[in-house]
Amino acid sequence: MTVQTRLPQPLVEPIRKALTKHALPGETQGLSRDEERGAAEFLAEISAKRKRGELGLKIESIGGEVGNRRMRIGIVNDDMPFLVDSVANALAAKQLTIHRLLHPVVCVTRDGKGELLEVEQLCPDKERRESMMYLELDRADARGRQELAADLNRVLNDVRLAVRDWHALQNKMREDAKTITEGD
């Protein structure tokens, strides 16, 4: 039996608030205060230790009535473009229906080992921003969850690589466009 300890309130409560503060209409419908707290604790657990450039990912089954069982996915990553669409496309490829998707971006303070020290609302320092995703979807079997974890790791690594080169590529395209228009 695994004993789960409650993480410190100063780390969980800002995540709980961020999960619901800017949620899209309908995303928090039916989400009780206890479920909000559970989702925040789940994300806090994933983000408890993570270094910049590393992906935090966890998939687990959650309760539900027979025939209506669900699983949840928690993703913690450096903030960057294309994360939500890439995750949604990976889930669609597996024909999994997303029932809830909450995606706050928060600012964090970590020590040199990657231990989470503080979570706060969005700040101007882009280096401290982290993307957190909490998803609830139809449950897959154990093998399906393992395959999904591998797919999400691959997809999010691809996003990281694409975004790393994205600004340089945009600048090169601007230079090329300028050269073409000056040549006319």
N, C-alpha and C. Protein backbone atom coordinates (compact mmCIF):
# COMPACT_ATOMS: atom_id res chain seq x y z
N MET A 1 0.84 -1.18 0.00
CA MET A 1 0.00 0.00 0.00
C MET A 1 0.89 1.24 0.00
N THR A 2 0.59 2.18 -0.89
CA THR A 2 1.34 3.43 -0.99
C THR A 2 0.66 4.48 -0.14
N VAL A 3 1.44 5.13 0.70
CA VAL A 3 0.90 6.20 1.52
C VAL A 3 1.17 7.51 0.79
N GLN A 4 0.11 8.26 0.56
CA GLN A 4 0.26 9.54 -0.11
C GLN A 4 0.16 10.65 0.92
N THR A 5 1.23 11.43 1.00
CA THR A 5 1.21 12.54 1.95
C THR A 5 0.65 13.77 1.27
N ARG A 6 -0.02 14.59 2.06
CA ARG A 6 -0.54 15.83 1.53
C ARG A 6 0.60 16.82 1.39
N LEU A 7 0.70 17.44 0.23
CA LEU A 7 1.76 18.41 0.00
C LEU A 7 1.43 19.72 0.69
N PRO A 8 2.44 20.52 0.98
CA PRO A 8 2.19 21.77 1.71
C PRO A 8 1.19 22.68 1.01
N GLN A 9 0.28 23.23 1.78
CA GLN A 9 -0.77 24.12 1.28
C GLN A 9 -0.21 25.26 0.43
N PRO A 10 0.93 25.88 0.81
CA PRO A 10 1.45 26.97 -0.01
C PRO A 10 1.82 26.55 -1.44
N LEU A 11 2.02 25.27 -1.68
CA LEU A 11 2.29 24.80 -3.04
C LEU A 11 1.03 24.36 -3.75
N VAL A 12 0.09 23.79 -3.03
CA VAL A 12 -1.12 23.24 -3.65
C VAL A 12 -2.15 24.33 -3.93
N GLU A 13 -2.38 25.22 -3.02
CA GLU A 13 -3.45 26.22 -3.16
C GLU A 13 -3.26 27.13 -4.38
N PRO A 14 -2.05 27.63 -4.66
CA PRO A 14 -1.91 28.44 -5.88
C PRO A 14 -2.19 27.64 -7.15
N ILE A 15 -1.87 26.36 -7.14
CA ILE A 15 -2.17 25.52 -8.31
C ILE A 15 -3.67 25.33 -8.43
N ARG A 16 -4.35 25.10 -7.31
CA ARG A 16 -5.80 24.94 -7.33
C ARG A 16 -6.46 26.21 -7.90
N LYS A 17 -6.03 27.35 -7.43
CA LYS A 17 -6.60 28.61 -7.93
C LYS A 17 -6.31 28.81 -9.41
N ALA A 18 -5.09 28.49 -9.83
CA ALA A 18 -4.72 28.64 -11.23
C ALA A 18 -5.52 27.70 -12.13
N LEU A 19 -5.81 26.50 -11.63
CA LEU A 19 -6.59 25.53 -12.43
C LEU A 19 -7.94 26.08 -12.83
N THR A 20 -8.56 26.81 -11.92
CA THR A 20 -9.94 27.24 -12.15
C THR A 20 -10.07 28.70 -12.57
N LYS A 21 -9.08 29.52 -12.29
CA LYS A 21 -9.20 30.96 -12.52
C LYS A 21 -9.47 31.32 -13.98
N HIS A 22 -8.71 30.73 -14.88
CA HIS A 22 -8.85 31.07 -16.30
C HIS A 22 -9.36 29.89 -17.12
N ALA A 23 -10.09 29.00 -16.48
CA ALA A 23 -10.62 27.83 -17.20
C ALA A 23 -11.65 28.28 -18.22
N LEU A 24 -11.73 27.55 -19.30
CA LEU A 24 -12.73 27.83 -20.33
C LEU A 24 -14.12 27.52 -19.79
N PRO A 25 -15.14 28.18 -20.32
CA PRO A 25 -16.50 27.91 -19.86
C PRO A 25 -16.82 26.42 -19.97
N GLY A 26 -17.37 25.89 -18.91
CA GLY A 26 -17.77 24.48 -18.89
C GLY A 26 -16.70 23.53 -18.38
N GLU A 27 -15.44 23.94 -18.39
CA GLU A 27 -14.36 23.03 -17.99
C GLU A 27 -14.40 22.69 -16.50
N THR A 28 -14.95 23.57 -15.69
CA THR A 28 -15.00 23.28 -14.26
C THR A 28 -16.39 22.86 -13.81
N GLN A 29 -17.31 22.73 -14.77
CA GLN A 29 -18.67 22.31 -14.44
C GLN A 29 -18.63 20.93 -13.79
N GLY A 30 -19.26 20.82 -12.64
CA GLY A 30 -19.30 19.54 -11.94
C GLY A 30 -18.04 19.22 -11.16
N LEU A 31 -17.11 20.13 -11.12
CA LEU A 31 -15.86 19.92 -10.39
C LEU A 31 -16.02 20.48 -8.98
N SER A 32 -16.09 19.59 -8.00
CA SER A 32 -16.28 20.02 -6.61
C SER A 32 -14.99 20.61 -6.05
N ARG A 33 -15.09 21.26 -4.93
CA ARG A 33 -13.92 21.84 -4.27
C ARG A 33 -12.92 20.73 -3.91
N ASP A 34 -13.41 19.57 -3.46
CA ASP A 34 -12.53 18.45 -3.14
C ASP A 34 -11.84 17.93 -4.40
N GLU A 35 -12.55 17.89 -5.52
CA GLU A 35 -11.95 17.44 -6.78
C GLU A 35 -10.93 18.45 -7.28
N GLU A 36 -11.21 19.74 -7.10
CA GLU A 36 -10.23 20.78 -7.44
C GLU A 36 -8.95 20.54 -6.65
N ARG A 37 -9.12 20.32 -5.36
CA ARG A 37 -7.98 20.09 -4.48
C ARG A 37 -7.22 18.83 -4.91
N GLY A 38 -7.95 17.77 -5.25
CA GLY A 38 -7.31 16.54 -5.70
C GLY A 38 -6.52 16.74 -6.99
N ALA A 39 -7.08 17.51 -7.92
CA ALA A 39 -6.37 17.80 -9.17
C ALA A 39 -5.11 18.63 -8.89
N ALA A 40 -5.23 19.60 -7.99
CA ALA A 40 -4.08 20.43 -7.63
C ALA A 40 -2.99 19.60 -6.95
N GLU A 41 -3.39 18.70 -6.06
CA GLU A 41 -2.41 17.84 -5.39
C GLU A 41 -1.72 16.92 -6.39
N PHE A 42 -2.49 16.42 -7.36
CA PHE A 42 -1.94 15.56 -8.40
C PHE A 42 -0.86 16.32 -9.19
N LEU A 43 -1.16 17.56 -9.60
CA LEU A 43 -0.18 18.36 -10.33
C LEU A 43 0.98 18.77 -9.45
N ALA A 44 0.72 19.07 -8.19
CA ALA A 44 1.80 19.44 -7.26
C ALA A 44 2.77 18.28 -7.08
N GLU A 45 2.22 17.08 -7.00
CA GLU A 45 3.07 15.88 -6.87
C GLU A 45 3.98 15.73 -8.09
N ILE A 46 3.42 15.95 -9.27
CA ILE A 46 4.19 15.82 -10.52
C ILE A 46 5.26 16.91 -10.60
N SER A 47 4.91 18.11 -10.15
CA SER A 47 5.83 19.24 -10.27
C SER A 47 6.77 19.38 -9.08
N ALA A 48 6.64 18.52 -8.08
CA ALA A 48 7.44 18.65 -6.86
C ALA A 48 8.94 18.69 -7.13
N LYS A 49 9.40 17.93 -8.11
CA LYS A 49 10.81 17.95 -8.48
C LYS A 49 10.91 17.81 -9.99
N ARG A 50 11.39 18.88 -10.60
CA ARG A 50 11.52 18.89 -12.06
C ARG A 50 12.52 19.97 -12.44
N LYS A 51 13.47 19.62 -13.24
CA LYS A 51 14.42 20.62 -13.73
C LYS A 51 13.94 21.18 -15.05
N ARG A 52 14.36 22.38 -15.35
CA ARG A 52 14.02 23.01 -16.62
C ARG A 52 14.42 22.08 -17.77
N GLY A 53 13.53 21.95 -18.73
CA GLY A 53 13.80 21.08 -19.87
C GLY A 53 13.32 19.65 -19.68
N GLU A 54 12.87 19.32 -18.47
CA GLU A 54 12.35 17.97 -18.20
C GLU A 54 10.83 17.99 -18.23
N LEU A 55 10.27 16.90 -18.65
CA LEU A 55 8.82 16.73 -18.68
C LEU A 55 8.37 16.00 -17.43
N GLY A 56 7.34 16.50 -16.78
CA GLY A 56 6.68 15.79 -15.69
C GLY A 56 5.38 15.23 -16.23
N LEU A 57 5.17 13.93 -16.15
CA LEU A 57 3.99 13.29 -16.73
C LEU A 57 3.55 12.14 -15.84
N LYS A 58 2.25 12.10 -15.58
CA LYS A 58 1.70 10.98 -14.82
C LYS A 58 0.30 10.69 -15.35
N ILE A 59 0.00 9.41 -15.49
CA ILE A 59 -1.32 8.95 -15.92
C ILE A 59 -1.80 7.95 -14.88
N GLU A 60 -3.03 8.12 -14.42
CA GLU A 60 -3.58 7.16 -13.47
C GLU A 60 -5.08 7.03 -13.64
N SER A 61 -5.58 5.87 -13.29
CA SER A 61 -7.02 5.62 -13.31
C SER A 61 -7.65 6.33 -12.14
N ILE A 62 -8.86 6.82 -12.35
CA ILE A 62 -9.63 7.41 -11.26
C ILE A 62 -10.99 6.74 -11.25
N GLY A 63 -11.70 6.93 -10.19
CA GLY A 63 -12.98 6.26 -10.01
C GLY A 63 -13.99 6.56 -11.10
N GLY A 64 -15.13 6.03 -10.90
CA GLY A 64 -16.21 6.20 -11.85
C GLY A 64 -17.09 4.98 -11.83
N GLU A 65 -18.26 5.15 -12.35
CA GLU A 65 -19.20 4.04 -12.40
C GLU A 65 -18.77 3.06 -13.49
N VAL A 66 -19.17 1.83 -13.34
CA VAL A 66 -18.87 0.83 -14.36
C VAL A 66 -19.41 1.33 -15.69
N GLY A 67 -18.58 1.25 -16.73
CA GLY A 67 -18.97 1.74 -18.04
C GLY A 67 -18.70 3.22 -18.21
N ASN A 68 -18.28 3.89 -17.15
CA ASN A 68 -18.00 5.32 -17.22
C ASN A 68 -16.72 5.62 -16.42
N ARG A 69 -15.74 4.75 -16.52
CA ARG A 69 -14.50 4.93 -15.77
C ARG A 69 -13.59 5.90 -16.51
N ARG A 70 -12.80 6.59 -15.73
CA ARG A 70 -11.96 7.63 -16.29
C ARG A 70 -10.52 7.44 -15.86
N MET A 71 -9.66 8.18 -16.50
CA MET A 71 -8.28 8.30 -16.06
C MET A 71 -7.94 9.78 -16.11
N ARG A 72 -6.86 10.12 -15.44
CA ARG A 72 -6.43 11.50 -15.49
C ARG A 72 -4.96 11.55 -15.86
N ILE A 73 -4.63 12.63 -16.52
CA ILE A 73 -3.26 12.86 -16.96
C ILE A 73 -2.83 14.20 -16.38
N GLY A 74 -1.66 14.22 -15.81
CA GLY A 74 -1.05 15.45 -15.36
C GLY A 74 0.24 15.66 -16.12
N ILE A 75 0.42 16.86 -16.64
CA ILE A 75 1.62 17.20 -17.41
C ILE A 75 2.16 18.51 -16.87
N VAL A 76 3.44 18.53 -16.56
CA VAL A 76 4.12 19.74 -16.14
C VAL A 76 5.33 19.89 -17.04
N ASN A 77 5.45 21.07 -17.65
CA ASN A 77 6.46 21.29 -18.67
C ASN A 77 6.86 22.75 -18.66
N ASP A 78 8.00 23.07 -19.25
CA ASP A 78 8.31 24.47 -19.50
C ASP A 78 7.19 25.02 -20.37
N ASP A 79 6.83 26.27 -20.15
CA ASP A 79 5.77 26.86 -20.96
C ASP A 79 6.31 27.13 -22.36
N MET A 80 5.54 26.73 -23.36
CA MET A 80 5.90 26.97 -24.75
C MET A 80 4.66 26.80 -25.61
N PRO A 81 4.71 27.32 -26.83
CA PRO A 81 3.56 27.17 -27.72
C PRO A 81 3.32 25.70 -28.11
N PHE A 82 2.13 25.43 -28.58
CA PHE A 82 1.74 24.16 -29.19
C PHE A 82 1.51 23.00 -28.23
N LEU A 83 1.61 23.21 -26.94
CA LEU A 83 1.48 22.09 -26.00
C LEU A 83 0.08 21.49 -26.00
N VAL A 84 -0.94 22.32 -25.82
CA VAL A 84 -2.30 21.80 -25.69
C VAL A 84 -2.74 21.11 -26.98
N ASP A 85 -2.51 21.76 -28.12
CA ASP A 85 -2.91 21.15 -29.39
C ASP A 85 -2.19 19.84 -29.65
N SER A 86 -0.92 19.80 -29.30
CA SER A 86 -0.14 18.57 -29.52
C SER A 86 -0.64 17.43 -28.63
N VAL A 87 -0.93 17.74 -27.38
CA VAL A 87 -1.47 16.71 -26.47
C VAL A 87 -2.85 16.26 -26.95
N ALA A 88 -3.70 17.22 -27.30
CA ALA A 88 -5.06 16.88 -27.78
C ALA A 88 -4.99 16.00 -29.03
N ASN A 89 -4.07 16.29 -29.94
CA ASN A 89 -3.93 15.48 -31.15
C ASN A 89 -3.44 14.07 -30.83
N ALA A 90 -2.52 13.95 -29.87
CA ALA A 90 -2.04 12.62 -29.48
C ALA A 90 -3.17 11.80 -28.87
N LEU A 91 -4.03 12.45 -28.08
CA LEU A 91 -5.17 11.75 -27.48
C LEU A 91 -6.20 11.38 -28.55
N ALA A 92 -6.44 12.28 -29.49
CA ALA A 92 -7.39 12.00 -30.58
C ALA A 92 -6.91 10.82 -31.43
N ALA A 93 -5.60 10.73 -31.62
CA ALA A 93 -5.05 9.61 -32.40
C ALA A 93 -5.33 8.28 -31.73
N LYS A 94 -5.47 8.30 -30.41
CA LYS A 94 -5.80 7.09 -29.64
C LYS A 94 -7.31 6.93 -29.48
N GLN A 95 -8.07 7.85 -30.07
CA GLN A 95 -9.53 7.86 -30.00
C GLN A 95 -10.04 7.94 -28.57
N LEU A 96 -9.36 8.75 -27.77
CA LEU A 96 -9.76 8.97 -26.38
C LEU A 96 -10.49 10.31 -26.28
N THR A 97 -11.61 10.30 -25.61
CA THR A 97 -12.42 11.51 -25.45
C THR A 97 -11.96 12.27 -24.21
N ILE A 98 -11.67 13.55 -24.40
CA ILE A 98 -11.28 14.41 -23.29
C ILE A 98 -12.55 14.96 -22.65
N HIS A 99 -12.72 14.73 -21.36
CA HIS A 99 -13.89 15.23 -20.64
C HIS A 99 -13.58 16.53 -19.89
N ARG A 100 -12.32 16.71 -19.55
CA ARG A 100 -11.93 17.95 -18.86
C ARG A 100 -10.47 18.23 -19.21
N LEU A 101 -10.19 19.49 -19.54
CA LEU A 101 -8.82 19.91 -19.80
C LEU A 101 -8.63 21.28 -19.14
N LEU A 102 -7.78 21.31 -18.15
CA LEU A 102 -7.45 22.56 -17.47
C LEU A 102 -5.98 22.83 -17.71
N HIS A 103 -5.65 24.06 -18.10
CA HIS A 103 -4.28 24.35 -18.52
C HIS A 103 -3.79 25.69 -17.97
N PRO A 104 -3.45 25.74 -16.70
CA PRO A 104 -2.88 26.99 -16.19
C PRO A 104 -1.38 27.09 -16.50
N VAL A 105 -0.94 28.31 -16.64
CA VAL A 105 0.49 28.60 -16.71
C VAL A 105 0.80 29.37 -15.44
N VAL A 106 1.79 28.89 -14.70
CA VAL A 106 2.16 29.50 -13.42
C VAL A 106 3.65 29.82 -13.44
N CYS A 107 4.07 30.62 -12.48
CA CYS A 107 5.49 30.88 -12.28
C CYS A 107 5.94 30.13 -11.04
N VAL A 108 7.10 29.54 -11.14
CA VAL A 108 7.61 28.74 -10.04
C VAL A 108 9.00 29.20 -9.64
N THR A 109 9.32 28.89 -8.41
CA THR A 109 10.68 29.05 -7.91
C THR A 109 11.15 27.66 -7.51
N ARG A 110 12.31 27.26 -8.00
CA ARG A 110 12.88 25.95 -7.70
C ARG A 110 14.31 26.14 -7.19
N ASP A 111 14.75 25.18 -6.38
CA ASP A 111 16.14 25.23 -5.95
C ASP A 111 17.02 24.59 -7.02
N GLY A 112 18.30 24.52 -6.77
CA GLY A 112 19.25 23.98 -7.74
C GLY A 112 19.02 22.53 -8.11
N LYS A 113 18.33 21.79 -7.25
CA LYS A 113 18.04 20.37 -7.53
C LYS A 113 16.70 20.19 -8.23
N GLY A 114 15.99 21.29 -8.47
CA GLY A 114 14.69 21.21 -9.13
C GLY A 114 13.52 21.07 -8.17
N GLU A 115 13.78 21.16 -6.86
CA GLU A 115 12.69 21.05 -5.87
C GLU A 115 11.81 22.30 -5.95
N LEU A 116 10.52 22.09 -5.98
CA LEU A 116 9.57 23.19 -6.04
C LEU A 116 9.51 23.90 -4.69
N LEU A 117 9.76 25.21 -4.71
CA LEU A 117 9.76 26.00 -3.49
C LEU A 117 8.56 26.92 -3.40
N GLU A 118 8.11 27.44 -4.57
CA GLU A 118 7.02 28.40 -4.56
C GLU A 118 6.28 28.35 -5.89
N VAL A 119 4.97 28.58 -5.83
CA VAL A 119 4.12 28.67 -7.02
C VAL A 119 3.35 29.97 -6.90
N GLU A 120 3.32 30.73 -7.99
CA GLU A 120 2.57 31.98 -8.00
C GLU A 120 1.88 32.14 -9.36
N GLN A 121 1.00 33.10 -9.41
CA GLN A 121 0.29 33.37 -10.66
C GLN A 121 1.29 33.82 -11.72
N LEU A 122 0.84 33.92 -12.93
CA LEU A 122 1.66 34.28 -14.07
C LEU A 122 2.48 35.53 -13.78
N CYS A 123 3.76 35.50 -14.14
CA CYS A 123 4.66 36.62 -13.90
C CYS A 123 5.35 37.00 -15.22
N PRO A 124 6.02 38.14 -15.26
CA PRO A 124 6.68 38.56 -16.50
C PRO A 124 7.94 37.75 -16.84
N ASP A 125 8.50 37.02 -15.89
CA ASP A 125 9.73 36.28 -16.10
C ASP A 125 9.43 34.96 -16.82
N LYS A 126 9.64 34.93 -18.14
CA LYS A 126 9.31 33.76 -18.95
C LYS A 126 10.13 32.53 -18.56
N GLU A 127 11.29 32.71 -17.98
CA GLU A 127 12.13 31.59 -17.57
C GLU A 127 11.53 30.82 -16.39
N ARG A 128 10.65 31.45 -15.63
CA ARG A 128 10.04 30.80 -14.47
C ARG A 128 8.68 30.20 -14.79
N ARG A 129 8.18 30.42 -15.99
CA ARG A 129 6.84 29.95 -16.34
C ARG A 129 6.83 28.46 -16.63
N GLU A 130 5.83 27.79 -16.06
CA GLU A 130 5.63 26.38 -16.34
C GLU A 130 4.18 26.15 -16.73
N SER A 131 4.01 25.28 -17.66
CA SER A 131 2.68 24.89 -18.14
C SER A 131 2.26 23.66 -17.36
N MET A 132 1.04 23.71 -16.84
CA MET A 132 0.46 22.55 -16.16
C MET A 132 -0.81 22.17 -16.89
N MET A 133 -0.95 20.91 -17.17
CA MET A 133 -2.18 20.43 -17.80
C MET A 133 -2.77 19.33 -16.94
N TYR A 134 -4.06 19.45 -16.72
CA TYR A 134 -4.81 18.41 -16.01
C TYR A 134 -5.92 17.98 -16.94
N LEU A 135 -5.93 16.70 -17.29
CA LEU A 135 -6.93 16.16 -18.20
C LEU A 135 -7.64 14.98 -17.57
N GLU A 136 -8.94 14.90 -17.80
CA GLU A 136 -9.72 13.72 -17.46
C GLU A 136 -10.29 13.18 -18.75
N LEU A 137 -10.16 11.88 -18.96
CA LEU A 137 -10.64 11.29 -20.19
C LEU A 137 -11.05 9.85 -19.96
N ASP A 138 -11.63 9.26 -21.00
CA ASP A 138 -12.02 7.86 -20.91
C ASP A 138 -10.81 7.02 -20.52
N ARG A 139 -11.06 6.01 -19.73
CA ARG A 139 -9.96 5.19 -19.22
C ARG A 139 -9.48 4.20 -20.27
N ALA A 140 -8.18 4.06 -20.32
CA ALA A 140 -7.54 3.04 -21.15
C ALA A 140 -7.02 1.95 -20.22
N ASP A 141 -6.81 0.76 -20.76
CA ASP A 141 -6.24 -0.31 -19.94
C ASP A 141 -4.76 -0.01 -19.66
N ALA A 142 -4.13 -0.85 -18.85
CA ALA A 142 -2.75 -0.60 -18.42
C ALA A 142 -1.81 -0.47 -19.62
N ARG A 143 -1.94 -1.36 -20.58
CA ARG A 143 -1.08 -1.29 -21.77
C ARG A 143 -1.35 0.01 -22.54
N GLY A 144 -2.62 0.36 -22.67
CA GLY A 144 -2.98 1.60 -23.36
C GLY A 144 -2.41 2.83 -22.66
N ARG A 145 -2.40 2.82 -21.32
CA ARG A 145 -1.83 3.95 -20.56
C ARG A 145 -0.31 4.02 -20.78
N GLN A 146 0.35 2.87 -20.82
CA GLN A 146 1.79 2.86 -21.08
C GLN A 146 2.11 3.40 -22.48
N GLU A 147 1.33 2.95 -23.45
CA GLU A 147 1.54 3.43 -24.82
C GLU A 147 1.27 4.92 -24.92
N LEU A 148 0.21 5.37 -24.24
CA LEU A 148 -0.12 6.79 -24.25
C LEU A 148 0.99 7.62 -23.62
N ALA A 149 1.55 7.15 -22.51
CA ALA A 149 2.65 7.86 -21.85
C ALA A 149 3.84 7.97 -22.81
N ALA A 150 4.15 6.89 -23.51
CA ALA A 150 5.26 6.91 -24.47
C ALA A 150 4.96 7.89 -25.61
N ASP A 151 3.73 7.88 -26.11
CA ASP A 151 3.34 8.81 -27.18
C ASP A 151 3.43 10.26 -26.72
N LEU A 152 2.94 10.54 -25.52
CA LEU A 152 2.98 11.92 -25.02
C LEU A 152 4.41 12.37 -24.79
N ASN A 153 5.26 11.49 -24.27
CA ASN A 153 6.67 11.84 -24.12
C ASN A 153 7.29 12.19 -25.47
N ARG A 154 7.02 11.38 -26.48
CA ARG A 154 7.57 11.61 -27.81
C ARG A 154 7.05 12.92 -28.39
N VAL A 155 5.74 13.12 -28.33
CA VAL A 155 5.12 14.32 -28.90
C VAL A 155 5.64 15.59 -28.21
N LEU A 156 5.70 15.55 -26.89
CA LEU A 156 6.14 16.75 -26.17
C LEU A 156 7.63 17.01 -26.36
N ASN A 157 8.41 15.97 -26.56
CA ASN A 157 9.82 16.16 -26.91
C ASN A 157 9.93 16.80 -28.29
N ASP A 158 9.10 16.34 -29.23
CA ASP A 158 9.09 16.95 -30.57
C ASP A 158 8.71 18.43 -30.50
N VAL A 159 7.73 18.75 -29.67
CA VAL A 159 7.34 20.16 -29.50
C VAL A 159 8.52 20.96 -28.98
N ARG A 160 9.20 20.43 -27.97
CA ARG A 160 10.36 21.13 -27.38
C ARG A 160 11.41 21.40 -28.46
N LEU A 161 11.69 20.40 -29.29
CA LEU A 161 12.69 20.56 -30.35
C LEU A 161 12.24 21.58 -31.39
N ALA A 162 10.97 21.52 -31.77
CA ALA A 162 10.45 22.46 -32.77
C ALA A 162 10.46 23.90 -32.24
N VAL A 163 10.08 24.08 -31.00
CA VAL A 163 10.03 25.43 -30.43
C VAL A 163 11.44 25.97 -30.23
N ARG A 164 12.37 25.09 -29.91
CA ARG A 164 13.76 25.54 -29.74
C ARG A 164 14.28 26.22 -31.00
N ASP A 165 13.90 25.70 -32.17
CA ASP A 165 14.34 26.26 -33.45
C ASP A 165 13.37 27.26 -34.06
N TRP A 166 12.22 27.42 -33.43
CA TRP A 166 11.13 28.20 -34.01
C TRP A 166 11.50 29.66 -34.25
N HIS A 167 12.08 30.32 -33.27
CA HIS A 167 12.41 31.74 -33.42
C HIS A 167 13.50 31.94 -34.48
N ALA A 168 14.49 31.08 -34.50
CA ALA A 168 15.54 31.18 -35.53
C ALA A 168 14.94 30.98 -36.92
N LEU A 169 14.02 30.03 -37.03
CA LEU A 169 13.37 29.77 -38.31
C LEU A 169 12.53 30.98 -38.75
N GLN A 170 11.78 31.56 -37.82
CA GLN A 170 10.99 32.76 -38.15
C GLN A 170 11.89 33.90 -38.61
N ASN A 171 13.01 34.11 -37.91
CA ASN A 171 13.93 35.18 -38.29
C ASN A 171 14.50 34.94 -39.68
N LYS A 172 14.86 33.71 -39.98
CA LYS A 172 15.38 33.37 -41.31
C LYS A 172 14.32 33.61 -42.39
N MET A 173 13.07 33.26 -42.09
CA MET A 173 11.99 33.49 -43.06
C MET A 173 11.79 34.99 -43.29
N ARG A 174 11.89 35.78 -42.24
CA ARG A 174 11.76 37.24 -42.40
C ARG A 174 12.90 37.80 -43.26
N GLU A 175 14.12 37.32 -43.00
CA GLU A 175 15.25 37.75 -43.81
C GLU A 175 15.05 37.39 -45.28
N ASP A 176 14.61 36.16 -45.53
CA ASP A 176 14.36 35.71 -46.90
C ASP A 176 13.26 36.54 -47.55
N ALA A 177 12.19 36.82 -46.81
CA ALA A 177 11.09 37.63 -47.36
C ALA A 177 11.58 39.03 -47.68
N LYS A 178 12.41 39.57 -46.82
CA LYS A 178 12.94 40.92 -47.05
C LYS A 178 13.83 40.95 -48.30
N THR A 179 14.65 39.91 -48.47
CA THR A 179 15.50 39.81 -49.64
C THR A 179 14.68 39.72 -50.91
N ILE A 180 13.60 38.96 -50.87
CA ILE A 180 12.74 38.80 -52.04
C ILE A 180 12.06 40.12 -52.38
N THR A 181 11.52 40.82 -51.37
CA THR A 181 10.80 42.08 -51.65
C THR A 181 11.75 43.19 -52.07
N GLU A 182 12.99 43.16 -51.59
CA GLU A 182 13.97 44.17 -52.00
C GLU A 182 14.44 43.92 -53.42
N GLY A 183 14.37 42.66 -53.85
CA GLY A 183 14.81 42.31 -55.19
C GLY A 183 13.80 42.70 -56.26
N ASP A 184 12.57 42.98 -55.87
CA ASP A 184 11.54 43.34 -56.86
C ASP A 184 11.66 44.74 -57.35
